[in-house]
Amino acid sequence: MHIRLSGILCQATGGASTVEVSGATIGDILTSLVQKHPAIQEHLDDGVAVAVNGEIYRDRRDQVIPEGSEVFLLPRIEGG
């Protein structure tokens, strides 16, 4: 499955904005992403949102990702 990254997250993957990962849930794909690009762990610790087919999930690592879904990983946006 391909996931798309935005902003500062691309720096942790050597500039790649799309990364191939494996997994059936959000937690699985995040684990796969860290295994391939350990530098991204710091950003995951800061907080990220995962958008699956346009729906944003924040703390739902058990959320199943349907086959063929469009997945984006978004860094936390500061401010308030």
Protein backbone atom coordinates (compact mmCIF):
# COMPACT_ATOMS: atom_id res chain seq x y z
CA MET A 1 0.00 0.00 0.00
CA HIS A 2 1.24 3.49 -0.78
CA ILE A 3 0.88 6.30 1.70
CA ARG A 4 1.44 9.94 0.93
CA LEU A 5 3.34 12.21 3.26
CA SER A 6 3.22 15.97 3.54
CA GLY A 7 5.30 18.75 4.99
CA ILE A 8 8.13 17.95 7.35
CA LEU A 9 7.35 14.22 7.22
CA CYS A 10 8.97 14.03 3.78
CA GLN A 11 12.30 15.10 5.30
CA ALA A 12 12.30 11.96 7.46
CA THR A 13 12.00 9.78 4.34
CA GLY A 14 14.82 11.40 2.41
CA GLY A 15 12.44 13.65 0.52
CA ALA A 16 10.00 10.94 -0.59
CA SER A 17 6.39 12.11 -0.62
CA THR A 18 5.04 8.61 -1.30
CA VAL A 19 6.17 5.51 0.58
CA GLU A 20 5.28 1.83 0.13
CA VAL A 21 4.25 0.18 3.42
CA SER A 22 2.42 -2.95 4.49
CA GLY A 23 -0.34 -3.48 7.01
CA ALA A 24 -4.07 -3.83 7.50
CA THR A 25 -4.58 -1.14 10.14
CA ILE A 26 -3.30 2.36 10.78
CA GLY A 27 -1.03 0.98 13.52
CA ASP A 28 0.37 -1.62 11.13
CA ILE A 29 1.25 0.94 8.45
CA LEU A 30 2.85 3.27 10.98
CA THR A 31 4.99 0.40 12.30
CA SER A 32 6.00 -0.51 8.74
CA LEU A 33 6.84 3.14 8.02
CA VAL A 34 9.11 3.40 11.08
CA GLN A 35 10.88 0.16 10.14
CA LYS A 36 11.72 1.62 6.72
CA HIS A 37 12.36 5.18 7.89
CA PRO A 38 13.33 5.26 11.60
CA ALA A 39 13.75 9.07 11.57
CA ILE A 40 9.99 9.45 11.22
CA GLN A 41 9.41 8.10 14.76
CA GLU A 42 10.12 11.54 16.24
CA HIS A 43 7.29 13.02 14.15
CA LEU A 44 4.92 10.22 15.09
CA ASP A 45 5.72 10.90 18.75
CA ASP A 46 4.83 14.58 18.21
CA GLY A 47 1.47 13.51 16.81
CA VAL A 48 0.16 12.91 13.32
CA ALA A 49 -3.18 12.45 11.69
CA VAL A 50 -3.90 9.74 9.16
CA ALA A 51 -6.46 10.45 6.47
CA VAL A 52 -8.04 7.38 4.87
CA ASN A 53 -10.21 8.19 1.86
CA GLY A 54 -10.59 11.75 3.16
CA GLU A 55 -11.60 10.83 6.73
CA ILE A 56 -9.09 11.88 9.39
CA TYR A 57 -8.16 9.53 12.23
CA ARG A 58 -6.04 10.74 15.11
CA ASP A 59 -5.81 8.10 17.81
CA ARG A 60 -7.37 5.14 16.03
CA ARG A 61 -4.43 2.85 15.38
CA ASP A 62 -6.80 -0.12 15.27
CA GLN A 63 -8.74 1.37 12.34
CA VAL A 64 -8.77 -1.07 9.42
CA ILE A 65 -7.73 0.39 6.07
CA PRO A 66 -9.85 -0.93 3.20
CA GLU A 67 -7.99 -2.33 0.19
CA GLY A 68 -7.29 0.35 -2.43
CA SER A 69 -7.71 3.27 -0.01
CA GLU A 70 -6.04 6.63 -0.45
CA VAL A 71 -3.92 7.21 2.67
CA PHE A 72 -2.25 10.47 3.72
CA LEU A 73 -0.07 11.05 6.78
CA LEU A 74 -0.28 14.63 8.04
CA PRO A 75 1.96 16.32 10.62
CA ARG A 76 0.35 17.96 13.63
CA ILE A 77 -0.44 21.59 12.96
CA GLU A 78 0.67 23.96 15.69
CA GLY A 79 -1.49 26.82 16.82
CA GLY A 80 -4.77 27.31 18.43
